[in-house]
C-alpha atoms as a PDB file:
ATOM      1  CA  UNK A   1    -132.804   2.484  -4.956  1.00  0.00           C
ATOM      2  CA  UNK A   2    -135.945   4.096  -3.613  1.00  0.00           C
ATOM      3  CA  UNK A   3    -136.052   7.881  -3.999  1.00  0.00           C
ATOM      4  CA  UNK A   4    -137.364  10.312  -1.416  1.00  0.00           C
ATOM      5  CA  UNK A   5    -138.541  13.916  -1.372  1.00  0.00           C
ATOM      6  CA  UNK A   6    -137.594  15.204   2.063  1.00  0.00           C
ATOM      7  CA  UNK A   7    -137.732  18.545   3.832  1.00  0.00           C
ATOM      8  CA  UNK A   8    -134.423  18.459   5.680  1.00  0.00           C
ATOM      9  CA  UNK A   9    -133.316  20.890   8.371  1.00  0.00           C
ATOM     10  CA  UNK A  10    -130.069  22.834   8.090  1.00  0.00           C
ATOM     11  CA  UNK A  11    -127.923  21.948  11.101  1.00  0.00           C
ATOM     12  CA  UNK A  12    -125.128  24.281  10.013  1.00  0.00           C
ATOM     13  CA  UNK A  13    -123.451  26.076   7.135  1.00  0.00           C
ATOM     14  CA  UNK A  14    -119.685  26.519   7.078  1.00  0.00           C
ATOM     15  CA  UNK A  15    -118.287  29.018   4.604  1.00  0.00           C
ATOM     16  CA  UNK A  16    -115.043  27.236   3.746  1.00  0.00           C
ATOM     17  CA  UNK A  17    -113.875  30.074   1.515  1.00  0.00           C
ATOM     18  CA  UNK A  18    -115.273  32.806  -0.694  1.00  0.00           C
ATOM     19  CA  UNK A  19    -116.029  30.151  -3.328  1.00  0.00           C
ATOM     20  CA  UNK A  20    -117.251  27.198  -1.281  1.00  0.00           C
ATOM     21  CA  UNK A  21    -119.716  26.405   1.501  1.00  0.00           C
ATOM     22  CA  UNK A  22    -120.432  23.184   3.383  1.00  0.00           C
ATOM     23  CA  UNK A  23    -124.144  22.711   4.091  1.00  0.00           C
ATOM     24  CA  UNK A  24    -125.021  20.117   6.733  1.00  0.00           C
ATOM     25  CA  UNK A  25    -128.575  18.747   6.760  1.00  0.00           C
ATOM     26  CA  UNK A  26    -130.483  16.509   9.144  1.00  0.00           C
ATOM     27  CA  UNK A  27    -133.940  14.999   9.413  1.00  0.00           C
ATOM     28  CA  UNK A  28    -136.361  13.907  12.093  1.00  0.00           C
ATOM     29  CA  UNK A  29    -136.211  10.321  10.816  1.00  0.00           C
ATOM     30  CA  UNK A  30    -133.019   8.426   9.946  1.00  0.00           C
ATOM     31  CA  UNK A  31    -131.674   9.445   6.544  1.00  0.00           C
ATOM     32  CA  UNK A  32    -132.219   6.917   3.735  1.00  0.00           C
ATOM     33  CA  UNK A  33    -129.432   4.717   2.411  1.00  0.00           C
ATOM     34  CA  UNK A  34    -127.103   6.563   0.050  1.00  0.00           C
ATOM     35  CA  UNK A  35    -124.147   5.372  -2.011  1.00  0.00           C
ATOM     36  CA  UNK A  36    -120.883   7.214  -2.698  1.00  0.00           C
ATOM     37  CA  UNK A  37    -121.183   8.945  -6.054  1.00  0.00           C
ATOM     38  CA  UNK A  38    -124.918   9.550  -5.863  1.00  0.00           C
ATOM     39  CA  UNK A  39    -126.306  13.075  -5.743  1.00  0.00           C
ATOM     40  CA  UNK A  40    -129.173  15.225  -4.480  1.00  0.00           C
ATOM     41  CA  UNK A  41    -131.461  17.637  -6.328  1.00  0.00           C
ATOM     42  CA  UNK A  42    -132.211  20.563  -4.015  1.00  0.00           C
ATOM     43  CA  UNK A  43    -135.007  23.087  -4.406  1.00  0.00           C
ATOM     44  CA  UNK A  44    -133.777  26.642  -3.970  1.00  0.00           C
ATOM     45  CA  UNK A  45    -136.400  28.789  -2.272  1.00  0.00           C
ATOM     46  CA  UNK A  46    -136.082  32.551  -1.952  1.00  0.00           C
ATOM     47  CA  UNK A  47    -134.140  33.018  -5.207  1.00  0.00           C
ATOM     48  CA  UNK A  48    -136.445  34.537  -7.867  1.00  0.00           C
ATOM     49  CA  UNK A  49    -133.988  33.755 -10.674  1.00  0.00           C
ATOM     50  CA  UNK A  50    -133.623  30.060  -9.752  1.00  0.00           C
ATOM     51  CA  UNK A  51    -136.427  27.959 -11.207  1.00  0.00           C
ATOM     52  CA  UNK A  52    -134.899  24.481 -11.376  1.00  0.00           C
ATOM     53  CA  UNK A  53    -133.488  22.272  -8.662  1.00  0.00           C
ATOM     54  CA  UNK A  54    -129.720  22.194  -8.320  1.00  0.00           C
ATOM     55  CA  UNK A  55    -127.807  18.878  -8.465  1.00  0.00           C
ATOM     56  CA  UNK A  56    -125.192  18.525  -5.730  1.00  0.00           C
ATOM     57  CA  UNK A  57    -122.951  15.541  -4.990  1.00  0.00           C
ATOM     58  CA  UNK A  58    -123.285  13.748  -1.686  1.00  0.00           C
ATOM     59  CA  UNK A  59    -120.157  14.862   0.129  1.00  0.00           C
ATOM     60  CA  UNK A  60    -120.544  12.797   3.291  1.00  0.00           C
ATOM     61  CA  UNK A  61    -123.133  10.943   5.364  1.00  0.00           C
ATOM     62  CA  UNK A  62    -122.618  11.050   9.131  1.00  0.00           C
ATOM     63  CA  UNK A  63    -124.832   8.291  10.482  1.00  0.00           C
ATOM     64  CA  UNK A  64    -124.050   9.046  14.122  1.00  0.00           C
ATOM     65  CA  UNK A  65    -125.308  12.621  13.755  1.00  0.00           C
ATOM     66  CA  UNK A  66    -127.874  11.696  11.095  1.00  0.00           C
ATOM     67  CA  UNK A  67    -126.344  14.365   8.841  1.00  0.00           C
ATOM     68  CA  UNK A  68    -125.998  14.728   5.087  1.00  0.00           C
ATOM     69  CA  UNK A  69    -123.212  17.020   3.876  1.00  0.00           C
ATOM     70  CA  UNK A  70    -123.372  18.977   0.632  1.00  0.00           C
ATOM     71  CA  UNK A  71    -120.274  20.823  -0.593  1.00  0.00           C
ATOM     72  CA  UNK A  72    -121.526  23.787  -2.607  1.00  0.00           C
ATOM     73  CA  UNK A  73    -119.524  25.796  -5.143  1.00  0.00           C
ATOM     74  CA  UNK A  74    -120.899  29.335  -4.908  1.00  0.00           C
ATOM     75  CA  UNK A  75    -121.171  30.396  -8.550  1.00  0.00           C
ATOM     76  CA  UNK A  76    -124.644  31.874  -9.103  1.00  0.00           C
ATOM     77  CA  UNK A  77    -127.855  33.085  -7.481  1.00  0.00           C
ATOM     78  CA  UNK A  78    -129.022  29.583  -6.587  1.00  0.00           C
ATOM     79  CA  UNK A  79    -125.828  28.457  -4.911  1.00  0.00           C
ATOM     80  CA  UNK A  80    -125.457  31.845  -3.179  1.00  0.00           C
ATOM     81  CA  UNK A  81    -128.904  31.273  -1.685  1.00  0.00           C
ATOM     82  CA  UNK A  82    -127.820  27.840  -0.455  1.00  0.00           C
ATOM     83  CA  UNK A  83    -124.636  29.257   1.081  1.00  0.00           C
ATOM     84  CA  UNK A  84    -126.660  31.899   2.925  1.00  0.00           C
ATOM     85  CA  UNK A  85    -128.894  29.367   4.695  1.00  0.00           C
ATOM     86  CA  UNK A  86    -128.780  29.294   8.473  1.00  0.00           C
ATOM     87  CA  UNK A  87    -129.298  26.668  11.157  1.00  0.00           C
ATOM     88  CA  UNK A  88    -132.952  25.747  11.401  1.00  0.00           C
ATOM     89  CA  UNK A  89    -133.801  26.611   7.787  1.00  0.00           C
ATOM     90  CA  UNK A  90    -135.471  23.929   5.692  1.00  0.00           C
ATOM     91  CA  UNK A  91    -134.244  22.558   2.375  1.00  0.00           C
ATOM     92  CA  UNK A  92    -136.354  20.367   0.117  1.00  0.00           C
ATOM     93  CA  UNK A  93    -134.259  17.519  -1.311  1.00  0.00           C
ATOM     94  CA  UNK A  94    -134.889  14.787  -3.874  1.00  0.00           C
ATOM     95  CA  UNK A  95    -132.543  11.899  -3.070  1.00  0.00           C
ATOM     96  CA  UNK A  96    -130.636   9.690  -3.578  1.00  0.00           C
ATOM     97  CA  UNK A  97    -130.222   9.978  -7.338  1.00  0.00           C
ATOM     98  CA  UNK A  98    -128.023   8.234  -9.891  1.00  0.00           C
ATOM     99  CA  UNK A  99    -125.625   5.332  -9.572  1.00  0.00           C
ATOM    100  CA  UNK A 100    -122.546   5.335  -7.375  1.00  0.00           C
ATOM    101  CA  UNK A 101    -118.941   4.214  -7.561  1.00  0.00           C
ATOM    102  CA  UNK A 102    -117.896   0.575  -7.398  1.00  0.00           C
ATOM    103  CA  UNK A 103    -116.792  -0.323  -3.887  1.00  0.00           C
ATOM    104  CA  UNK A 104    -113.641  -2.432  -3.374  1.00  0.00           C
ATOM    105  CA  UNK A 105    -113.922  -6.204  -3.630  1.00  0.00           C
ATOM    106  CA  UNK A 106    -111.432  -6.776  -0.826  1.00  0.00           C
ATOM    107  CA  UNK A 107    -109.052  -5.154   1.606  1.00  0.00           C
ATOM    108  CA  UNK A 108    -106.056  -5.711  -0.634  1.00  0.00           C
ATOM    109  CA  UNK A 109    -107.426  -3.725  -3.582  1.00  0.00           C
ATOM    110  CA  UNK A 110    -105.271  -0.672  -4.254  1.00  0.00           C
ATOM    111  CA  UNK A 111    -107.553   2.208  -5.204  1.00  0.00           C
ATOM    112  CA  UNK A 112    -106.566   5.716  -6.258  1.00  0.00           C
ATOM    113  CA  UNK A 113    -109.202   8.436  -5.902  1.00  0.00           C
ATOM    114  CA  UNK A 114    -108.429  11.512  -8.033  1.00  0.00           C
ATOM    115  CA  UNK A 115    -110.318  14.777  -7.559  1.00  0.00           C
ATOM    116  CA  UNK A 116    -110.050  18.344  -8.759  1.00  0.00           C
ATOM    117  CA  UNK A 117    -111.816  21.468  -7.507  1.00  0.00           C
ATOM    118  CA  UNK A 118    -115.288  20.852  -6.081  1.00  0.00           C
ATOM    119  CA  UNK A 119    -115.099  17.467  -7.831  1.00  0.00           C
ATOM    120  CA  UNK A 120    -113.386  16.163  -4.699  1.00  0.00           C
ATOM    121  CA  UNK A 121    -116.795  16.252  -2.976  1.00  0.00           C
ATOM    122  CA  UNK A 122    -118.033  12.676  -3.644  1.00  0.00           C
ATOM    123  CA  UNK A 123    -114.599  11.206  -2.967  1.00  0.00           C
ATOM    124  CA  UNK A 124    -114.776  11.953   0.769  1.00  0.00           C
ATOM    125  CA  UNK A 125    -117.802   9.720   1.321  1.00  0.00           C
ATOM    126  CA  UNK A 126    -116.327   7.145  -1.061  1.00  0.00           C
ATOM    127  CA  UNK A 127    -113.076   7.088   0.904  1.00  0.00           C
ATOM    128  CA  UNK A 128    -114.932   6.791   4.201  1.00  0.00           C
ATOM    129  CA  UNK A 129    -116.963   3.840   2.940  1.00  0.00           C
ATOM    130  CA  UNK A 130    -113.825   2.150   1.610  1.00  0.00           C
ATOM    131  CA  UNK A 131    -112.146   2.548   4.976  1.00  0.00           C
ATOM    132  CA  UNK A 132    -115.233   1.111   6.682  1.00  0.00           C
ATOM    133  CA  UNK A 133    -114.876  -1.944   4.452  1.00  0.00           C
ATOM    134  CA  UNK A 134    -111.213  -2.321   5.453  1.00  0.00           C
ATOM    135  CA  UNK A 135    -109.662  -0.881   2.279  1.00  0.00           C
ATOM    136  CA  UNK A 136    -107.386   2.154   2.633  1.00  0.00           C
ATOM    137  CA  UNK A 137    -107.626   4.366  -0.467  1.00  0.00           C
ATOM    138  CA  UNK A 138    -105.021   6.779  -1.778  1.00  0.00           C
ATOM    139  CA  UNK A 139    -106.228  10.288  -2.583  1.00  0.00           C
ATOM    140  CA  UNK A 140    -104.705  12.501  -5.266  1.00  0.00           C
ATOM    141  CA  UNK A 141    -106.199  16.001  -5.041  1.00  0.00           C
ATOM    142  CA  UNK A 142    -105.554  18.832  -7.478  1.00  0.00           C
ATOM    143  CA  UNK A 143    -106.283  22.553  -7.440  1.00  0.00           C
ATOM    144  CA  UNK A 144    -105.050  25.758  -9.030  1.00  0.00           C
ATOM    145  CA  UNK A 145    -103.561  26.979  -5.742  1.00  0.00           C
ATOM    146  CA  UNK A 146    -103.391  25.964  -2.105  1.00  0.00           C
ATOM    147  CA  UNK A 147    -106.341  28.194  -1.167  1.00  0.00           C
ATOM    148  CA  UNK A 148    -108.572  26.166  -3.510  1.00  0.00           C
ATOM    149  CA  UNK A 149    -107.876  22.806  -1.845  1.00  0.00           C
ATOM    150  CA  UNK A 150    -110.903  21.440  -0.012  1.00  0.00           C
ATOM    151  CA  UNK A 151    -111.292  19.242   3.090  1.00  0.00           C
ATOM    152  CA  UNK A 152    -107.705  17.972   3.025  1.00  0.00           C
ATOM    153  CA  UNK A 153    -107.675  17.254   6.773  1.00  0.00           C
ATOM    154  CA  UNK A 154    -110.845  15.175   6.428  1.00  0.00           C
ATOM    155  CA  UNK A 155    -109.398  13.152   3.555  1.00  0.00           C
ATOM    156  CA  UNK A 156    -106.360  12.352   5.702  1.00  0.00           C
ATOM    157  CA  UNK A 157    -108.650  10.518   8.151  1.00  0.00           C
ATOM    158  CA  UNK A 158    -109.369   7.835   5.552  1.00  0.00           C
ATOM    159  CA  UNK A 159    -106.176   7.341   3.564  1.00  0.00           C
ATOM    160  CA  UNK A 160    -102.942   8.748   2.220  1.00  0.00           C
ATOM    161  CA  UNK A 161    -103.274  12.149   0.560  1.00  0.00           C
ATOM    162  CA  UNK A 162    -101.140  13.514  -2.282  1.00  0.00           C
ATOM    163  CA  UNK A 163    -101.589  17.018  -3.658  1.00  0.00           C
ATOM    164  CA  UNK A 164    -100.818  18.957  -6.803  1.00  0.00           C
ATOM    165  CA  UNK A 165    -101.320  22.677  -7.392  1.00  0.00           C
ATOM    166  CA  UNK A 166    -100.827  24.431 -10.679  1.00  0.00           C
ATOM    167  CA  UNK A 167     -98.825  27.223  -9.048  1.00  0.00           C
ATOM    168  CA  UNK A 168     -96.823  24.930  -6.748  1.00  0.00           C
ATOM    169  CA  UNK A 169     -98.133  26.584  -3.576  1.00  0.00           C
ATOM    170  CA  UNK A 170     -98.782  23.170  -2.005  1.00  0.00           C
ATOM    171  CA  UNK A 171     -97.774  19.645  -2.928  1.00  0.00           C
ATOM    172  CA  UNK A 172     -96.186  19.057  -6.309  1.00  0.00           C
ATOM    173  CA  UNK A 173     -96.420  21.666  -9.043  1.00  0.00           C
ATOM    174  CA  UNK A 174     -98.524  20.715 -12.056  1.00  0.00           C
ATOM    175  CA  UNK A 175    -101.555  18.588 -12.807  1.00  0.00           C
ATOM    176  CA  UNK A 176    -102.690  15.409 -11.050  1.00  0.00           C
ATOM    177  CA  UNK A 177    -101.490  13.250 -13.941  1.00  0.00           C
ATOM    178  CA  UNK A 178     -97.959  14.598 -13.411  1.00  0.00           C
ATOM    179  CA  UNK A 179     -97.726  13.553  -9.761  1.00  0.00           C
ATOM    180  CA  UNK A 180     -94.808  11.281  -8.902  1.00  0.00           C
ATOM    181  CA  UNK A 181     -97.051   8.773  -7.087  1.00  0.00           C
ATOM    182  CA  UNK A 182     -98.248   7.568 -10.498  1.00  0.00           C
ATOM    183  CA  UNK A 183     -94.684   6.608 -11.378  1.00  0.00           C
ATOM    184  CA  UNK A 184     -93.816   5.040  -8.038  1.00  0.00           C
ATOM    185  CA  UNK A 185     -96.931   2.972  -7.314  1.00  0.00           C
ATOM    186  CA  UNK A 186     -99.282   0.640  -9.149  1.00  0.00           C
ATOM    187  CA  UNK A 187    -103.046   0.778  -8.581  1.00  0.00           C
ATOM    188  CA  UNK A 188    -105.805  -1.746  -9.311  1.00  0.00           C
ATOM    189  CA  UNK A 189    -108.512   0.851  -9.817  1.00  0.00           C
ATOM    190  CA  UNK A 190    -108.810   4.610 -10.334  1.00  0.00           C
ATOM    191  CA  UNK A 191    -111.943   6.610  -9.582  1.00  0.00           C
ATOM    192  CA  UNK A 192    -112.147  10.281 -10.456  1.00  0.00           C
ATOM    193  CA  UNK A 193    -114.354  13.366 -10.366  1.00  0.00           C
ATOM    194  CA  UNK A 194    -113.611  16.935 -11.376  1.00  0.00           C
ATOM    195  CA  UNK A 195    -113.299  19.144 -14.460  1.00  0.00           C
ATOM    196  CA  UNK A 196    -113.728  17.150 -17.660  1.00  0.00           C
ATOM    197  CA  UNK A 197    -110.211  17.910 -19.044  1.00  0.00           C
ATOM    198  CA  UNK A 198    -108.741  16.514 -15.824  1.00  0.00           C
ATOM    199  CA  UNK A 199    -110.908  13.395 -15.939  1.00  0.00           C
ATOM    200  CA  UNK A 200    -110.058  12.783 -19.596  1.00  0.00           C
ATOM    201  CA  UNK A 201    -106.352  13.024 -18.724  1.00  0.00           C
ATOM    202  CA  UNK A 202    -106.819  10.599 -15.822  1.00  0.00           C
ATOM    203  CA  UNK A 203    -108.801   8.243 -18.065  1.00  0.00           C
ATOM    204  CA  UNK A 204    -106.072   8.414 -20.708  1.00  0.00           C
ATOM    205  CA  UNK A 205    -103.444   7.473 -18.115  1.00  0.00           C
ATOM    206  CA  UNK A 206    -105.606   4.606 -16.806  1.00  0.00           C
ATOM    207  CA  UNK A 207    -106.266   3.257 -20.299  1.00  0.00           C
ATOM    208  CA  UNK A 208    -102.573   3.410 -21.165  1.00  0.00           C
ATOM    209  CA  UNK A 209    -101.640   1.521 -17.986  1.00  0.00           C
ATOM    210  CA  UNK A 210    -104.474  -0.992 -18.273  1.00  0.00           C
ATOM    211  CA  UNK A 211    -106.082   0.132 -14.998  1.00  0.00           C
ATOM    212  CA  UNK A 212    -109.838  -0.102 -14.463  1.00  0.00           C
ATOM    213  CA  UNK A 213    -111.226   3.435 -14.148  1.00  0.00           C
ATOM    214  CA  UNK A 214    -114.521   5.097 -13.278  1.00  0.00           C
ATOM    215  CA  UNK A 215    -115.383   8.767 -13.799  1.00  0.00           C
ATOM    216  CA  UNK A 216    -118.198  10.763 -12.223  1.00  0.00           C
ATOM    217  CA  UNK A 217    -119.529  13.115 -14.884  1.00  0.00           C
ATOM    218  CA  UNK A 218    -120.712  16.635 -14.136  1.00  0.00           C
ATOM    219  CA  UNK A 219    -123.021  17.237 -17.108  1.00  0.00           C
ATOM    220  CA  UNK A 220    -125.790  19.803 -16.674  1.00  0.00           C
ATOM    221  CA  UNK A 221    -128.611  18.003 -14.853  1.00  0.00           C
ATOM    222  CA  UNK A 222    -131.999  19.678 -14.434  1.00  0.00           C
ATOM    223  CA  UNK A 223    -134.502  17.018 -13.388  1.00  0.00           C
ATOM    224  CA  UNK A 224    -132.299  14.243 -11.999  1.00  0.00           C
ATOM    225  CA  UNK A 225    -134.702  11.587 -13.283  1.00  0.00           C
ATOM    226  CA  UNK A 226    -133.832  11.225 -16.967  1.00  0.00           C
ATOM    227  CA  UNK A 227    -136.881  13.129 -18.206  1.00  0.00           C
ATOM    228  CA  UNK A 228    -135.510  16.443 -19.484  1.00  0.00           C
ATOM    229  CA  UNK A 229    -132.577  15.016 -21.516  1.00  0.00           C
ATOM    230  CA  UNK A 230    -130.299  17.936 -20.551  1.00  0.00           C
ATOM    231  CA  UNK A 231    -127.457  15.686 -19.442  1.00  0.00           C
ATOM    232  CA  UNK A 232    -127.197  13.213 -22.326  1.00  0.00           C
ATOM    233  CA  UNK A 233    -123.750  11.695 -22.890  1.00  0.00           C
ATOM    234  CA  UNK A 234    -122.667   9.713 -25.954  1.00  0.00           C
ATOM    235  CA  UNK A 235    -121.577   6.218 -24.939  1.00  0.00           C
ATOM    236  CA  UNK A 236    -120.916   2.802 -26.451  1.00  0.00           C
ATOM    237  CA  UNK A 237    -124.562   2.020 -25.625  1.00  0.00           C
ATOM    238  CA  UNK A 238    -125.916   5.124 -27.350  1.00  0.00           C
ATOM    239  CA  UNK A 239    -127.029   8.392 -25.764  1.00  0.00           C
ATOM    240  CA  UNK A 240    -127.521   7.948 -22.016  1.00  0.00           C
ATOM    241  CA  UNK A 241    -128.795  10.340 -19.357  1.00  0.00           C
ATOM    242  CA  UNK A 242    -125.992  11.014 -16.885  1.00  0.00           C
ATOM    243  CA  UNK A 243    -128.441  11.670 -14.051  1.00  0.00           C
ATOM    244  CA  UNK A 244    -130.123   8.267 -14.410  1.00  0.00           C
ATOM    245  CA  UNK A 245    -127.496   5.937 -15.923  1.00  0.00           C
ATOM    246  CA  UNK A 246    -124.597   7.715 -14.207  1.00  0.00           C
ATOM    247  CA  UNK A 247    -123.207   9.996 -12.999  1.00  0.00           C
ATOM    248  CA  UNK A 248    -120.510   7.331 -12.539  1.00  0.00           C
ATOM    249  CA  UNK A 249    -119.400   5.507 -15.697  1.00  0.00           C
ATOM    250  CA  UNK A 250    -116.619   3.099 -16.451  1.00  0.00           C
ATOM    251  CA  UNK A 251    -114.405   4.908 -18.957  1.00  0.00           C
ATOM    252  CA  UNK A 252    -114.705   1.946 -21.350  1.00  0.00           C
ATOM    253  CA  UNK A 253    -118.320   3.012 -21.900  1.00  0.00           C
ATOM    254  CA  UNK A 254    -117.471   6.651 -22.682  1.00  0.00           C
ATOM    255  CA  UNK A 255    -116.620   7.845 -26.183  1.00  0.00           C
ATOM    256  CA  UNK A 256    -113.749  10.035 -25.019  1.00  0.00           C
ATOM    257  CA  UNK A 257    -110.728  10.420 -27.245  1.00  0.00           C
ATOM    258  CA  UNK A 258    -108.071   8.648 -25.172  1.00  0.00           C
END
């Protein structure tokens, strides 16, 4: 897909919690086509300690409002600067980058979308696109505690939502791979994004059950174009740059110990 460098305007920033902020961006012209699972490299201005662009998953694309949503985990100077933006500020973005998730082949395909932490971000747009195509996904969202769950009400607009929390404060207690829905239902495809230990566990379950599975990797990505080699992942095809060949991979291509 064609890539663009755009100066987008902040239409709003919602501080979801102390750890997370939702940045909504718009442009004068219609936003370019973007696929679920792709990401954006944003330039952080006004942060003297932030020299490189920051990769952020595409959380949602609202075509009616011509808005791009970025769900930001506030963990350092760069992301704090992004969370402190205000309406009318400008943000330079390189987009869309990487390859996205596989979309359903038909309405009858039963797809489970599994996310943990800020890794739920690309699954919202993926779920919305699935619903647009007539396929209702099932979401399985995990977090350490209820306060760390993100955008649950929005996910419910596009499919069934199941929840696990490690402390049992919402949904079932435990990890996503322990949820009872995995024992009670059969899925044709699983797509996941989140902490690597969680994705490996999901991939292990999928491999055991013979279910096709894709994972969106969160390797450190500096350039987003495959030039700096920061994000290399060992695969069955050799060392591949996650930013260019991914971030979404079929687990059969990954050399994870399943």
